[in-house]
PDB file of all heavy atoms in Angstrom:
ATOM      1  N   ASP A   1       0.818  -1.216   0.000  1.00  0.00           N
ATOM      2  CA  ASP A   1       0.000   0.000   0.000  1.00  0.00           C
ATOM      3  C   ASP A   1       0.846   1.257   0.000  1.00  0.00           C
ATOM      4  O   ASP A   1       0.317   2.366   0.067  1.00  0.00           O
ATOM      5  CB  ASP A   1      -0.955   0.004   1.198  1.00  0.00           C
ATOM      6  CG  ASP A   1      -0.219   0.026   2.544  1.00  0.00           C
ATOM      7  OD1 ASP A   1       1.013   0.150   2.538  1.00  0.00           O
ATOM      8  OD2 ASP A   1      -0.895  -0.068   3.582  1.00  0.00           O
ATOM      9  N   GLY A   2       2.163   1.128  -0.083  1.00  0.00           N
ATOM     10  CA  GLY A   2       3.033   2.293  -0.145  1.00  0.00           C
ATOM     11  C   GLY A   2       3.328   2.932   1.186  1.00  0.00           C
ATOM     12  O   GLY A   2       4.054   3.911   1.256  1.00  0.00           O
ATOM     13  N   GLY A   3       2.787   2.398   2.278  1.00  0.00           N
ATOM     14  CA  GLY A   3       3.011   2.995   3.583  1.00  0.00           C
ATOM     15  C   GLY A   3       4.291   2.504   4.222  1.00  0.00           C
ATOM     16  O   GLY A   3       4.817   1.444   3.888  1.00  0.00           O
ATOM     17  N   SER A   4       4.799   3.294   5.184  1.00  0.00           N
ATOM     18  CA  SER A   4       6.032   2.920   5.879  1.00  0.00           C
ATOM     19  C   SER A   4       5.760   2.368   7.269  1.00  0.00           C
ATOM     20  O   SER A   4       6.664   1.844   7.913  1.00  0.00           O
ATOM     21  CB  SER A   4       6.940   4.152   6.000  1.00  0.00           C
ATOM     22  OG  SER A   4       6.336   5.141   6.826  1.00  0.00           O
ATOM     23  N   GLY A   5       4.523   2.505   7.751  1.00  0.00           N
ATOM     24  CA  GLY A   5       4.229   2.086   9.115  1.00  0.00           C
ATOM     25  C   GLY A   5       4.673   3.098  10.150  1.00  0.00           C
ATOM     26  O   GLY A   5       4.743   2.782  11.343  1.00  0.00           O
ATOM     27  N   LEU A   6       4.951   4.334   9.715  1.00  0.00           N
ATOM     28  CA  LEU A   6       5.419   5.370  10.642  1.00  0.00           C
ATOM     29  C   LEU A   6       4.417   6.506  10.818  1.00  0.00           C
ATOM     30  O   LEU A   6       4.527   7.273  11.764  1.00  0.00           O
ATOM     31  CB  LEU A   6       6.747   5.958  10.136  1.00  0.00           C
ATOM     32  CG  LEU A   6       7.976   5.062  10.251  1.00  0.00           C
ATOM     33  CD1 LEU A   6       9.148   5.698   9.525  1.00  0.00           C
ATOM     34  CD2 LEU A   6       8.328   4.824  11.713  1.00  0.00           C
ATOM     35  N   GLY A   7       3.454   6.620   9.905  1.00  0.00           N
ATOM     36  CA  GLY A   7       2.552   7.769   9.922  1.00  0.00           C
ATOM     37  C   GLY A   7       1.809   7.963  11.228  1.00  0.00           C
ATOM     38  O   GLY A   7       1.809   9.052  11.810  1.00  0.00           O
ATOM     39  N   LEU A   8       1.155   6.912  11.731  1.00  0.00           N
ATOM     40  CA  LEU A   8       0.381   7.036  12.960  1.00  0.00           C
ATOM     41  C   LEU A   8       1.285   7.158  14.183  1.00  0.00           C
ATOM     42  O   LEU A   8       0.951   7.866  15.144  1.00  0.00           O
ATOM     43  CB  LEU A   8      -0.565   5.845  13.111  1.00  0.00           C
ATOM     44  CG  LEU A   8      -1.747   5.823  12.135  1.00  0.00           C
ATOM     45  CD1 LEU A   8      -2.541   4.537  12.270  1.00  0.00           C
ATOM     46  CD2 LEU A   8      -2.654   7.032  12.374  1.00  0.00           C
ATOM     47  N   TYR A   9       2.424   6.490  14.152  1.00  0.00           N
ATOM     48  CA  TYR A   9       3.381   6.627  15.257  1.00  0.00           C
ATOM     49  C   TYR A   9       3.850   8.069  15.363  1.00  0.00           C
ATOM     50  O   TYR A   9       3.845   8.663  16.457  1.00  0.00           O
ATOM     51  CB  TYR A   9       4.569   5.697  15.025  1.00  0.00           C
ATOM     52  CG  TYR A   9       5.687   5.876  16.034  1.00  0.00           C
ATOM     53  CD1 TYR A   9       5.614   5.289  17.289  1.00  0.00           C
ATOM     54  CD2 TYR A   9       6.804   6.637  15.728  1.00  0.00           C
ATOM     55  CE1 TYR A   9       6.641   5.461  18.220  1.00  0.00           C
ATOM     56  CE2 TYR A   9       7.830   6.821  16.645  1.00  0.00           C
ATOM     57  CZ  TYR A   9       7.745   6.226  17.888  1.00  0.00           C
ATOM     58  OH  TYR A   9       8.749   6.395  18.805  1.00  0.00           O
ATOM     59  N   ILE A  10       4.242   8.660  14.234  1.00  0.00           N
ATOM     60  CA  ILE A  10       4.690  10.051  14.229  1.00  0.00           C
ATOM     61  C   ILE A  10       3.562  10.980  14.622  1.00  0.00           C
ATOM     62  O   ILE A  10       3.749  11.923  15.396  1.00  0.00           O
ATOM     63  CB  ILE A  10       5.247  10.411  12.834  1.00  0.00           C
ATOM     64  CG1 ILE A  10       6.571   9.680  12.586  1.00  0.00           C
ATOM     65  CG2 ILE A  10       5.443  11.920  12.699  1.00  0.00           C
ATOM     66  CD1 ILE A  10       7.097   9.833  11.174  1.00  0.00           C
ATOM     67  N   SER A  11       2.348  10.719  14.121  1.00  0.00           N
ATOM     68  CA  SER A  11       1.207  11.585  14.427  1.00  0.00           C
ATOM     69  C   SER A  11       0.906  11.603  15.923  1.00  0.00           C
ATOM     70  O   SER A  11       0.629  12.660  16.499  1.00  0.00           O
ATOM     71  CB  SER A  11      -0.032  11.117  13.651  1.00  0.00           C
ATOM     72  OG  SER A  11       0.147  11.302  12.260  1.00  0.00           O
ATOM     73  N   ARG A  12       0.964  10.433  16.582  1.00  0.00           N
ATOM     74  CA  ARG A  12       0.716  10.404  18.024  1.00  0.00           C
ATOM     75  C   ARG A  12       1.820  11.158  18.775  1.00  0.00           C
ATOM     76  O   ARG A  12       1.545  11.886  19.729  1.00  0.00           O
ATOM     77  CB  ARG A  12       0.597   8.972  18.529  1.00  0.00           C
ATOM     78  CG  ARG A  12       0.493   8.892  20.049  1.00  0.00           C
ATOM     79  CD  ARG A  12       0.274   7.485  20.550  1.00  0.00           C
ATOM     80  NE  ARG A  12      -1.144   7.184  20.687  1.00  0.00           N
ATOM     81  CZ  ARG A  12      -1.616   6.073  21.263  1.00  0.00           C
ATOM     82  NH1 ARG A  12      -0.776   5.147  21.713  1.00  0.00           N
ATOM     83  NH2 ARG A  12      -2.911   5.870  21.382  1.00  0.00           N
ATOM     84  N   ARG A  13       3.080  10.985  18.344  1.00  0.00           N
ATOM     85  CA  ARG A  13       4.180  11.710  18.988  1.00  0.00           C
ATOM     86  C   ARG A  13       3.980  13.216  18.855  1.00  0.00           C
ATOM     87  O   ARG A  13       4.220  13.973  19.805  1.00  0.00           O
ATOM     88  CB  ARG A  13       5.519  11.304  18.358  1.00  0.00           C
ATOM     89  CG  ARG A  13       5.935   9.855  18.581  1.00  0.00           C
ATOM     90  CD  ARG A  13       6.415   9.578  19.983  1.00  0.00           C
ATOM     91  NE  ARG A  13       7.547  10.370  20.392  1.00  0.00           N
ATOM     92  CZ  ARG A  13       8.613   9.898  21.034  1.00  0.00           C
ATOM     93  NH1 ARG A  13       8.696   8.596  21.287  1.00  0.00           N
ATOM     94  NH2 ARG A  13       9.577  10.685  21.431  1.00  0.00           N
ATOM     95  N   LEU A  14       3.540  13.658  17.670  1.00  0.00           N
ATOM     96  CA  LEU A  14       3.292  15.085  17.474  1.00  0.00           C
ATOM     97  C   LEU A  14       2.157  15.573  18.360  1.00  0.00           C
ATOM     98  O   LEU A  14       2.234  16.641  18.971  1.00  0.00           O
ATOM     99  CB  LEU A  14       2.966  15.354  16.003  1.00  0.00           C
ATOM    100  CG  LEU A  14       4.121  15.229  15.011  1.00  0.00           C
ATOM    101  CD1 LEU A  14       3.602  15.350  13.575  1.00  0.00           C
ATOM    102  CD2 LEU A  14       5.183  16.295  15.271  1.00  0.00           C
ATOM    103  N   ALA A  15       1.070  14.786  18.430  1.00  0.00           N
ATOM    104  CA  ALA A  15      -0.070  15.176  19.262  1.00  0.00           C
ATOM    105  C   ALA A  15       0.341  15.305  20.727  1.00  0.00           C
ATOM    106  O   ALA A  15      -0.026  16.274  21.405  1.00  0.00           O
ATOM    107  CB  ALA A  15      -1.194  14.159  19.108  1.00  0.00           C
ATOM    108  N   ARG A  16       1.093  14.353  21.228  1.00  0.00           N
ATOM    109  CA  ARG A  16       1.507  14.390  22.624  1.00  0.00           C
ATOM    110  C   ARG A  16       2.519  15.496  22.876  1.00  0.00           C
ATOM    111  O   ARG A  16       2.555  16.076  23.979  1.00  0.00           O
ATOM    112  CB  ARG A  16       2.060  13.032  23.032  1.00  0.00           C
ATOM    113  CG  ARG A  16       0.957  11.971  23.098  1.00  0.00           C
ATOM    114  CD  ARG A  16       1.460  10.593  23.477  1.00  0.00           C
ATOM    115  NE  ARG A  16       0.336   9.675  23.668  1.00  0.00           N
ATOM    116  CZ  ARG A  16       0.456   8.380  23.950  1.00  0.00           C
ATOM    117  NH1 ARG A  16       1.668   7.829  24.047  1.00  0.00           N
ATOM    118  NH2 ARG A  16      -0.621   7.629  24.115  1.00  0.00           N
ATOM    119  N   ALA A  17       3.347  15.821  21.869  1.00  0.00           N
ATOM    120  CA  ALA A  17       4.282  16.936  22.021  1.00  0.00           C
ATOM    121  C   ALA A  17       3.541  18.262  22.111  1.00  0.00           C
ATOM    122  O   ALA A  17       4.072  19.238  22.666  1.00  0.00           O
ATOM    123  CB  ALA A  17       5.257  16.960  20.848  1.00  0.00           C
ATOM    124  N   MET A  18       2.315  18.326  21.591  1.00  0.00           N
ATOM    125  CA  MET A  18       1.490  19.538  21.686  1.00  0.00           C
ATOM    126  C   MET A  18       0.558  19.465  22.895  1.00  0.00           C
ATOM    127  O   MET A  18      -0.481  20.137  22.920  1.00  0.00           O
ATOM    128  CB  MET A  18       0.693  19.723  20.388  1.00  0.00           C
ATOM    129  CG  MET A  18       1.558  20.050  19.176  1.00  0.00           C
ATOM    130  SD  MET A  18       0.640  20.474  17.667  1.00  0.00           S
ATOM    131  CE  MET A  18      -0.086  18.887  17.219  1.00  0.00           C
ATOM    132  N   ASN A  19       0.921  18.603  23.865  1.00  0.00           N
ATOM    133  CA  ASN A  19       0.125  18.438  25.097  1.00  0.00           C
ATOM    134  C   ASN A  19      -1.270  17.875  24.813  1.00  0.00           C
ATOM    135  O   ASN A  19      -2.239  18.203  25.501  1.00  0.00           O
ATOM    136  CB  ASN A  19       0.001  19.765  25.857  1.00  0.00           C
ATOM    137  CG  ASN A  19       1.348  20.281  26.316  1.00  0.00           C
ATOM    138  OD1 ASN A  19       2.168  19.526  26.836  1.00  0.00           O
ATOM    139  ND2 ASN A  19       1.586  21.570  26.107  1.00  0.00           N
ATOM    140  N   GLY A  20      -1.348  17.036  23.795  1.00  0.00           N
ATOM    141  CA  GLY A  20      -2.609  16.402  23.456  1.00  0.00           C
ATOM    142  C   GLY A  20      -2.436  14.898  23.342  1.00  0.00           C
ATOM    143  O   GLY A  20      -1.569  14.309  23.976  1.00  0.00           O
ATOM    144  N   ASP A  21      -3.256  14.274  22.490  1.00  0.00           N
ATOM    145  CA  ASP A  21      -3.154  12.827  22.305  1.00  0.00           C
ATOM    146  C   ASP A  21      -3.851  12.450  21.003  1.00  0.00           C
ATOM    147  O   ASP A  21      -4.598  13.255  20.414  1.00  0.00           O
ATOM    148  CB  ASP A  21      -3.799  12.093  23.477  1.00  0.00           C
ATOM    149  CG  ASP A  21      -3.243  10.668  23.647  1.00  0.00           C
ATOM    150  OD1 ASP A  21      -2.422  10.248  22.801  1.00  0.00           O
ATOM    151  OD2 ASP A  21      -3.628   9.996  24.621  1.00  0.00           O
ATOM    152  N   LEU A  22      -3.597  11.222  20.567  1.00  0.00           N
ATOM    153  CA  LEU A  22      -4.248  10.652  19.389  1.00  0.00           C
ATOM    154  C   LEU A  22      -4.709   9.256  19.762  1.00  0.00           C
ATOM    155  O   LEU A  22      -3.911   8.421  20.189  1.00  0.00           O
ATOM    156  CB  LEU A  22      -3.277  10.601  18.200  1.00  0.00           C
ATOM    157  CG  LEU A  22      -3.829  10.004  16.900  1.00  0.00           C
ATOM    158  CD1 LEU A  22      -5.008  10.814  16.386  1.00  0.00           C
ATOM    159  CD2 LEU A  22      -2.732   9.939  15.832  1.00  0.00           C
ATOM    160  N   THR A  23      -6.009   8.997  19.620  1.00  0.00           N
ATOM    161  CA  THR A  23      -6.586   7.716  20.029  1.00  0.00           C
ATOM    162  C   THR A  23      -7.448   7.148  18.906  1.00  0.00           C
ATOM    163  O   THR A  23      -7.764   7.839  17.929  1.00  0.00           O
ATOM    164  CB  THR A  23      -7.447   7.883  21.293  1.00  0.00           C
ATOM    165  OG1 THR A  23      -8.477   8.867  21.037  1.00  0.00           O
ATOM    166  CG2 THR A  23      -6.593   8.348  22.464  1.00  0.00           C
ATOM    167  N   VAL A  24      -7.846   5.865  19.068  1.00  0.00           N
ATOM    168  CA  VAL A  24      -8.665   5.213  18.066  1.00  0.00           C
ATOM    169  C   VAL A  24      -9.770   4.419  18.737  1.00  0.00           C
ATOM    170  O   VAL A  24      -9.582   3.855  19.818  1.00  0.00           O
ATOM    171  CB  VAL A  24      -7.807   4.278  17.174  1.00  0.00           C
ATOM    172  CG1 VAL A  24      -7.182   3.157  17.986  1.00  0.00           C
ATOM    173  CG2 VAL A  24      -8.647   3.698  16.024  1.00  0.00           C
ATOM    174  N   GLU A  25     -10.933   4.423  18.101  1.00  0.00           N
ATOM    175  CA  GLU A  25     -12.054   3.561  18.480  1.00  0.00           C
ATOM    176  C   GLU A  25     -12.483   2.825  17.221  1.00  0.00           C
ATOM    177  O   GLU A  25     -12.661   3.444  16.172  1.00  0.00           O
ATOM    178  CB  GLU A  25     -13.226   4.373  19.009  1.00  0.00           C
ATOM    179  CG  GLU A  25     -12.930   5.190  20.248  1.00  0.00           C
ATOM    180  CD  GLU A  25     -14.135   6.053  20.625  1.00  0.00           C
ATOM    181  OE1 GLU A  25     -15.178   5.476  20.976  1.00  0.00           O
ATOM    182  OE2 GLU A  25     -14.018   7.272  20.516  1.00  0.00           O
ATOM    183  N   SER A  26     -12.654   1.517  17.332  1.00  0.00           N
ATOM    184  CA  SER A  26     -13.009   0.752  16.139  1.00  0.00           C
ATOM    185  C   SER A  26     -13.551  -0.614  16.527  1.00  0.00           C
ATOM    186  O   SER A  26     -13.438  -1.051  17.674  1.00  0.00           O
ATOM    187  CB  SER A  26     -11.777   0.597  15.233  1.00  0.00           C
ATOM    188  OG  SER A  26     -12.109  -0.061  14.037  1.00  0.00           O
ATOM    189  N   ALA A  27     -14.134  -1.258  15.556  1.00  0.00           N
ATOM    190  CA  ALA A  27     -14.564  -2.649  15.683  1.00  0.00           C
ATOM    191  C   ALA A  27     -14.470  -3.266  14.300  1.00  0.00           C
ATOM    192  O   ALA A  27     -14.689  -2.583  13.285  1.00  0.00           O
ATOM    193  CB  ALA A  27     -15.992  -2.740  16.218  1.00  0.00           C
ATOM    194  N   LYS A  28     -14.113  -4.532  14.242  1.00  0.00           N
ATOM    195  CA  LYS A  28     -13.925  -5.191  12.957  1.00  0.00           C
ATOM    196  C   LYS A  28     -15.199  -5.114  12.130  1.00  0.00           C
ATOM    197  O   LYS A  28     -16.293  -5.429  12.600  1.00  0.00           O
ATOM    198  CB  LYS A  28     -13.549  -6.659  13.187  1.00  0.00           C
ATOM    199  CG  LYS A  28     -12.815  -7.273  12.007  1.00  0.00           C
ATOM    200  CD  LYS A  28     -11.451  -6.629  11.782  1.00  0.00           C
ATOM    201  CE  LYS A  28     -10.693  -7.332  10.667  1.00  0.00           C
ATOM    202  NZ  LYS A  28      -9.417  -6.664  10.376  1.00  0.00           N
ATOM    203  N   GLY A  29     -15.053  -4.604  10.886  1.00  0.00           N
ATOM    204  CA  GLY A  29     -16.183  -4.499   9.986  1.00  0.00           C
ATOM    205  C   GLY A  29     -17.016  -3.249  10.174  1.00  0.00           C
ATOM    206  O   GLY A  29     -18.016  -3.066   9.490  1.00  0.00           O
ATOM    207  N   GLN A  30     -16.625  -2.358  11.116  1.00  0.00           N
ATOM    208  CA  GLN A  30     -17.434  -1.168  11.409  1.00  0.00           C
ATOM    209  C   GLN A  30     -16.653   0.128  11.258  1.00  0.00           C
ATOM    210  O   GLN A  30     -17.024   1.145  11.826  1.00  0.00           O
ATOM    211  CB  GLN A  30     -18.013  -1.266  12.824  1.00  0.00           C
ATOM    212  CG  GLN A  30     -18.947  -2.448  13.011  1.00  0.00           C
ATOM    213  CD  GLN A  30     -19.536  -2.496  14.413  1.00  0.00           C
ATOM    214  OE1 GLN A  30     -19.596  -1.488  15.099  1.00  0.00           O
ATOM    215  NE2 GLN A  30     -19.977  -3.676  14.829  1.00  0.00           N
ATOM    216  N   GLY A  31     -15.562   0.117  10.504  1.00  0.00           N
ATOM    217  CA  GLY A  31     -14.801   1.342  10.298  1.00  0.00           C
ATOM    218  C   GLY A  31     -13.979   1.713  11.520  1.00  0.00           C
ATOM    219  O   GLY A  31     -13.894   0.955  12.489  1.00  0.00           O
ATOM    220  N   ALA A  32     -13.360   2.886  11.451  1.00  0.00           N
ATOM    221  CA  ALA A  32     -12.515   3.359  12.555  1.00  0.00           C
ATOM    222  C   ALA A  32     -12.726   4.850  12.786  1.00  0.00           C
ATOM    223  O   ALA A  32     -13.060   5.594  11.858  1.00  0.00           O
ATOM    224  CB  ALA A  32     -11.042   3.076  12.251  1.00  0.00           C
ATOM    225  N   ARG A  33     -12.564   5.274  14.058  1.00  0.00           N
ATOM    226  CA  ARG A  33     -12.656   6.688  14.447  1.00  0.00           C
ATOM    227  C   ARG A  33     -11.352   7.073  15.148  1.00  0.00           C
ATOM    228  O   ARG A  33     -11.063   6.582  16.242  1.00  0.00           O
ATOM    229  CB  ARG A  33     -13.822   6.914  15.413  1.00  0.00           C
ATOM    230  CG  ARG A  33     -15.191   6.812  14.800  1.00  0.00           C
ATOM    231  CD  ARG A  33     -16.260   6.728  15.884  1.00  0.00           C
ATOM    232  NE  ARG A  33     -16.046   7.690  16.950  1.00  0.00           N
ATOM    233  CZ  ARG A  33     -16.603   8.901  17.000  1.00  0.00           C
ATOM    234  NH1 ARG A  33     -17.402   9.287  16.008  1.00  0.00           N
ATOM    235  NH2 ARG A  33     -16.379   9.704  18.014  1.00  0.00           N
ATOM    236  N   PHE A  34     -10.576   7.949  14.498  1.00  0.00           N
ATOM    237  CA  PHE A  34      -9.348   8.457  15.104  1.00  0.00           C
ATOM    238  C   PHE A  34      -9.626   9.866  15.637  1.00  0.00           C
ATOM    239  O   PHE A  34     -10.212  10.703  14.932  1.00  0.00           O
ATOM    240  CB  PHE A  34      -8.210   8.497  14.084  1.00  0.00           C
ATOM    241  CG  PHE A  34      -7.648   7.146  13.769  1.00  0.00           C
ATOM    242  CD1 PHE A  34      -8.218   6.348  12.785  1.00  0.00           C
ATOM    243  CD2 PHE A  34      -6.539   6.666  14.458  1.00  0.00           C
ATOM    244  CE1 PHE A  34      -7.702   5.092  12.488  1.00  0.00           C
ATOM    245  CE2 PHE A  34      -6.008   5.410  14.168  1.00  0.00           C
ATOM    246  CZ  PHE A  34      -6.592   4.623  13.185  1.00  0.00           C
ATOM    247  N   THR A  35      -9.219  10.106  16.881  1.00  0.00           N
ATOM    248  CA  THR A  35      -9.489  11.386  17.522  1.00  0.00           C
ATOM    249  C   THR A  35      -8.189  12.082  17.883  1.00  0.00           C
ATOM    250  O   THR A  35      -7.382  11.558  18.663  1.00  0.00           O
ATOM    251  CB  THR A  35     -10.342  11.205  18.793  1.00  0.00           C
ATOM    252  OG1 THR A  35     -11.570  10.579  18.452  1.00  0.00           O
ATOM    253  CG2 THR A  35     -10.628  12.566  19.438  1.00  0.00           C
ATOM    254  N   LEU A  36      -7.971  13.268  17.288  1.00  0.00           N
ATOM    255  CA  LEU A  36      -6.862  14.137  17.661  1.00  0.00           C
ATOM    256  C   LEU A  36      -7.355  15.109  18.709  1.00  0.00           C
ATOM    257  O   LEU A  36      -8.345  15.804  18.505  1.00  0.00           O
ATOM    258  CB  LEU A  36      -6.340  14.883  16.437  1.00  0.00           C
ATOM    259  CG  LEU A  36      -5.339  16.026  16.741  1.00  0.00           C
ATOM    260  CD1 LEU A  36      -4.056  15.490  17.334  1.00  0.00           C
ATOM    261  CD2 LEU A  36      -5.085  16.851  15.489  1.00  0.00           C
ATOM    262  N   GLU A  37      -6.650  15.149  19.838  1.00  0.00           N
ATOM    263  CA  GLU A  37      -7.034  16.037  20.926  1.00  0.00           C
ATOM    264  C   GLU A  37      -5.857  16.935  21.284  1.00  0.00           C
ATOM    265  O   GLU A  37      -4.751  16.462  21.516  1.00  0.00           O
ATOM    266  CB  GLU A  37      -7.469  15.225  22.140  1.00  0.00           C
ATOM    267  CG  GLU A  37      -7.917  16.059  23.331  1.00  0.00           C
ATOM    268  CD  GLU A  37      -8.369  15.204  24.483  1.00  0.00           C
ATOM    269  OE1 GLU A  37      -9.518  14.727  24.454  1.00  0.00           O
ATOM    270  OE2 GLU A  37      -7.555  14.976  25.407  1.00  0.00           O
ATOM    271  N   ILE A  38      -6.091  18.244  21.309  1.00  0.00           N
ATOM    272  CA  ILE A  38      -5.096  19.221  21.736  1.00  0.00           C
ATOM    273  C   ILE A  38      -5.775  20.228  22.660  1.00  0.00           C
ATOM    274  O   ILE A  38      -7.011  20.295  22.715  1.00  0.00           O
ATOM    275  CB  ILE A  38      -4.445  19.952  20.541  1.00  0.00           C
ATOM    276  CG1 ILE A  38      -5.490  20.637  19.675  1.00  0.00           C
ATOM    277  CG2 ILE A  38      -3.613  18.990  19.706  1.00  0.00           C
ATOM    278  CD1 ILE A  38      -4.916  21.427  18.517  1.00  0.00           C
ATOM    279  N   PRO A  39      -5.001  21.029  23.416  1.00  0.00           N
ATOM    280  CA  PRO A  39      -5.629  21.970  24.348  1.00  0.00           C
ATOM    281  C   PRO A  39      -6.498  22.994  23.631  1.00  0.00           C
ATOM    282  O   PRO A  39      -6.126  23.504  22.568  1.00  0.00           O
ATOM    283  CB  PRO A  39      -4.431  22.649  25.025  1.00  0.00           C
ATOM    284  CG  PRO A  39      -3.303  21.667  24.884  1.00  0.00           C
ATOM    285  CD  PRO A  39      -3.529  21.007  23.560  1.00  0.00           C
TER     286      PRO A  39
END
């Protein structure tokens, strides 16, 4: 798929460096919800 496997790891590190977080909610066959949270 052309990915490196680093995108989400880097994104979470960036979110936490901005005093926030990056989380996921999902279930098999029901899509995914990624939440970026910052102050």
